[in-house]
């Protein structure tokens, strides 16, 4: 068994999705994993990969790669990041409705790069991919139909929500303020 098969078998066997696996300079083996929606993990519930997930996969991969005799100098296991790549049809199905960046292999209507909302047209293996976008010149929505073979690269557009954190910080601050109002020392009698 080669190193790629060993990595894929181990990662999927632990219930994670293998997003990317590549060899880098100076013996680096880089593995990117993601959680599968609906799967229960020993590290607890979360929408995204946790540090503990990466630690567990790293420890297991180290054992498997040693047993299989796979040569590497360093192992790096990480999440796919906020701009997760979309490679397989299953990725497109999973992230239908999300905003993505698509770079085509060939120029279409004067450009290769598009950003819009991913939509599937049809169902099953015959489903085709569509991108709903607005062109800078035109305010009307446009539809770009494409196939996996026409895509050079596709990634999720990162969504960063600082409002959620600010709301939690504000709630914590309000609770601390209420406690301080009860008694100058911060406790009730």
Protein backbone atom coordinates (compact mmCIF):
# COMPACT_ATOMS: atom_id res chain seq x y z
CA UNK A 1 0.00 0.00 0.00
CA UNK A 2 1.38 3.45 -0.87
CA UNK A 3 1.32 6.48 1.45
CA UNK A 4 -1.73 8.06 -0.22
CA UNK A 5 -3.81 4.92 0.25
CA UNK A 6 -2.63 4.60 3.86
CA UNK A 7 -3.61 8.21 4.61
CA UNK A 8 -7.01 7.96 2.90
CA UNK A 9 -7.89 4.66 4.55
CA UNK A 10 -6.90 5.97 7.99
CA UNK A 11 -8.66 9.33 7.75
CA UNK A 12 -11.91 7.94 6.32
CA UNK A 13 -11.76 5.02 8.76
CA UNK A 14 -11.80 7.54 11.62
CA UNK A 15 -14.95 9.14 10.16
CA UNK A 16 -13.34 12.24 8.66
CA UNK A 17 -13.28 13.39 5.07
CA UNK A 18 -9.88 13.61 3.38
CA UNK A 19 -9.87 16.97 1.60
CA UNK A 20 -6.24 17.13 0.45
CA UNK A 21 -3.11 15.07 0.85
CA UNK A 22 0.21 16.11 -0.64
CA UNK A 23 3.93 15.83 -0.20
CA UNK A 24 5.89 19.04 0.23
CA UNK A 25 9.50 20.10 0.49
CA UNK A 26 11.92 18.46 2.93
CA UNK A 27 9.72 15.44 3.60
CA UNK A 28 6.57 17.32 4.64
CA UNK A 29 3.39 15.26 4.40
CA UNK A 30 0.44 17.66 4.52
CA UNK A 31 -3.06 16.29 5.19
CA UNK A 32 -6.24 18.35 5.27
CA UNK A 33 -9.34 16.85 6.93
CA UNK A 34 -12.93 17.92 7.42
CA UNK A 35 -15.79 16.72 9.58
CA UNK A 36 -18.64 14.87 7.90
CA UNK A 37 -22.03 16.42 8.72
CA UNK A 38 -24.16 14.20 10.94
CA UNK A 39 -21.21 12.21 12.29
CA UNK A 40 -20.62 12.13 16.07
CA UNK A 41 -16.96 12.62 17.02
CA UNK A 42 -15.24 11.75 20.32
CA UNK A 43 -13.87 15.31 20.43
CA UNK A 44 -17.42 16.68 20.78
CA UNK A 45 -19.92 18.54 18.64
CA UNK A 46 -18.70 21.30 16.31
CA UNK A 47 -19.36 22.48 12.78
CA UNK A 48 -15.67 22.72 11.97
CA UNK A 49 -12.53 20.67 12.56
CA UNK A 50 -11.12 21.12 16.07
CA UNK A 51 -7.49 21.05 17.15
CA UNK A 52 -8.32 17.84 19.01
CA UNK A 53 -9.50 16.27 15.75
CA UNK A 54 -6.17 17.09 14.12
CA UNK A 55 -4.28 15.69 17.11
CA UNK A 56 -6.17 12.38 17.02
CA UNK A 57 -5.70 11.96 13.27
CA UNK A 58 -2.01 12.90 13.56
CA UNK A 59 -1.38 10.26 16.24
CA UNK A 60 -3.19 7.57 14.25
CA UNK A 61 -1.46 8.48 10.98
CA UNK A 62 1.96 8.36 12.68
CA UNK A 63 1.27 4.78 13.78
CA UNK A 64 -0.13 3.65 10.43
CA UNK A 65 2.63 5.29 8.35
CA UNK A 66 5.28 3.68 10.55
CA UNK A 67 3.71 0.22 10.22
CA UNK A 68 3.31 0.66 6.44
CA UNK A 69 6.91 1.86 6.12
CA UNK A 70 5.96 5.17 4.51
CA UNK A 71 8.81 7.66 4.46
CA UNK A 72 8.20 11.24 5.64
CA UNK A 73 10.07 13.73 7.80
CA UNK A 74 7.17 15.84 9.12
CA UNK A 75 3.43 15.30 9.28
CA UNK A 76 0.98 18.19 9.26
CA UNK A 77 -2.75 17.57 9.77
CA UNK A 78 -5.04 20.59 9.48
CA UNK A 79 -8.53 21.77 8.65
CA UNK A 80 -9.27 22.82 5.08
CA UNK A 81 -9.70 26.42 6.25
CA UNK A 82 -12.47 28.92 5.62
CA UNK A 83 -11.72 28.90 1.90
CA UNK A 84 -12.11 25.13 1.63
CA UNK A 85 -11.39 23.72 -1.83
CA UNK A 86 -14.14 21.93 -3.73
CA UNK A 87 -12.74 19.00 -5.72
CA UNK A 88 -15.31 16.22 -6.03
CA UNK A 89 -18.97 16.28 -7.00
CA UNK A 90 -19.78 15.36 -3.37
CA UNK A 91 -18.17 18.66 -2.29
CA UNK A 92 -20.42 20.62 -4.63
CA UNK A 93 -23.50 18.75 -3.42
CA UNK A 94 -22.56 19.37 0.23
CA UNK A 95 -22.00 23.09 -0.25
CA UNK A 96 -24.93 23.84 -2.55
CA UNK A 97 -26.21 27.34 -1.75
CA UNK A 98 -22.82 28.58 -0.54
CA UNK A 99 -20.89 31.42 -2.14
CA UNK A 100 -17.87 30.13 -4.05
CA UNK A 101 -15.03 31.35 -6.24
CA UNK A 102 -14.56 29.37 -9.46
CA UNK A 103 -11.59 29.57 -11.81
CA UNK A 104 -12.25 27.92 -15.16
CA UNK A 105 -9.63 26.17 -17.29
CA UNK A 106 -10.67 28.12 -20.40
CA UNK A 107 -11.73 31.74 -20.82
CA UNK A 108 -15.52 32.14 -21.02
CA UNK A 109 -17.01 35.53 -21.96
CA UNK A 110 -13.65 37.23 -21.53
CA UNK A 111 -12.71 35.87 -18.11
CA UNK A 112 -11.85 32.76 -16.13
CA UNK A 113 -12.76 33.81 -12.56
CA UNK A 114 -16.31 33.99 -11.24
CA UNK A 115 -17.86 34.44 -7.79
CA UNK A 116 -21.43 33.51 -6.98
CA UNK A 117 -23.87 31.16 -5.32
CA UNK A 118 -23.48 27.46 -6.12
CA UNK A 119 -26.60 25.68 -7.34
CA UNK A 120 -27.23 22.16 -8.59
CA UNK A 121 -29.51 21.74 -11.58
CA UNK A 122 -31.12 18.32 -11.63
CA UNK A 123 -30.58 15.43 -9.25
CA UNK A 124 -28.40 12.38 -8.96
CA UNK A 125 -25.39 11.65 -11.14
CA UNK A 126 -26.87 13.71 -13.99
CA UNK A 127 -26.94 16.91 -11.89
CA UNK A 128 -25.12 19.82 -13.46
CA UNK A 129 -23.42 22.71 -11.69
CA UNK A 130 -24.49 26.33 -11.91
CA UNK A 131 -23.16 29.55 -10.49
CA UNK A 132 -25.60 32.41 -9.89
CA UNK A 133 -23.71 35.70 -10.05
CA UNK A 134 -24.08 39.39 -10.74
CA UNK A 135 -21.75 40.96 -13.24
CA UNK A 136 -20.28 44.37 -12.35
CA UNK A 137 -21.88 45.99 -15.39
CA UNK A 138 -25.27 44.36 -15.08
CA UNK A 139 -27.39 44.20 -11.94
CA UNK A 140 -29.40 41.20 -13.16
CA UNK A 141 -28.50 37.74 -11.98
CA UNK A 142 -26.70 35.60 -14.49
CA UNK A 143 -26.27 31.84 -14.56
CA UNK A 144 -23.04 30.11 -15.49
CA UNK A 145 -23.41 26.40 -16.16
CA UNK A 146 -20.23 24.34 -15.85
CA UNK A 147 -18.89 20.83 -15.34
CA UNK A 148 -16.16 19.54 -13.02
CA UNK A 149 -13.88 19.04 -16.03
CA UNK A 150 -14.10 22.76 -16.83
CA UNK A 151 -12.95 23.84 -13.33
CA UNK A 152 -9.31 24.59 -12.60
CA UNK A 153 -10.05 25.53 -8.98
CA UNK A 154 -13.11 26.16 -6.82
CA UNK A 155 -13.16 27.34 -3.21
CA UNK A 156 -15.68 28.47 -0.66
CA UNK A 157 -15.73 32.22 -0.08
CA UNK A 158 -14.65 32.73 3.55
CA UNK A 159 -17.40 33.92 5.87
CA UNK A 160 -16.14 35.60 9.02
CA UNK A 161 -18.71 36.59 11.64
CA UNK A 162 -17.34 38.98 14.24
CA UNK A 163 -20.87 39.94 15.31
CA UNK A 164 -21.45 36.59 17.02
CA UNK A 165 -18.40 37.10 19.20
CA UNK A 166 -19.28 40.74 19.94
CA UNK A 167 -22.78 39.68 21.05
CA UNK A 168 -21.35 37.05 23.42
CA UNK A 169 -18.82 39.55 24.81
CA UNK A 170 -21.62 42.11 25.29
CA UNK A 171 -23.81 39.54 27.10
CA UNK A 172 -20.91 38.57 29.37
CA UNK A 173 -20.21 42.22 30.09
CA UNK A 174 -23.88 42.88 30.92
CA UNK A 175 -23.96 39.91 33.30
CA UNK A 176 -20.81 41.14 35.04
CA UNK A 177 -22.33 44.61 35.34
CA UNK A 178 -25.51 43.23 36.93
CA UNK A 179 -23.45 41.28 39.47
CA UNK A 180 -21.47 44.39 40.32
CA UNK A 181 -24.70 46.37 40.90
CA UNK A 182 -25.94 43.88 43.51
CA UNK A 183 -23.25 44.78 46.02
CA UNK A 184 -20.08 46.86 45.79
CA UNK A 185 -18.05 43.72 46.50
CA UNK A 186 -19.82 41.89 43.65
CA UNK A 187 -21.77 39.42 45.83
CA UNK A 188 -25.21 39.31 47.43
CA UNK A 189 -25.97 39.22 51.09
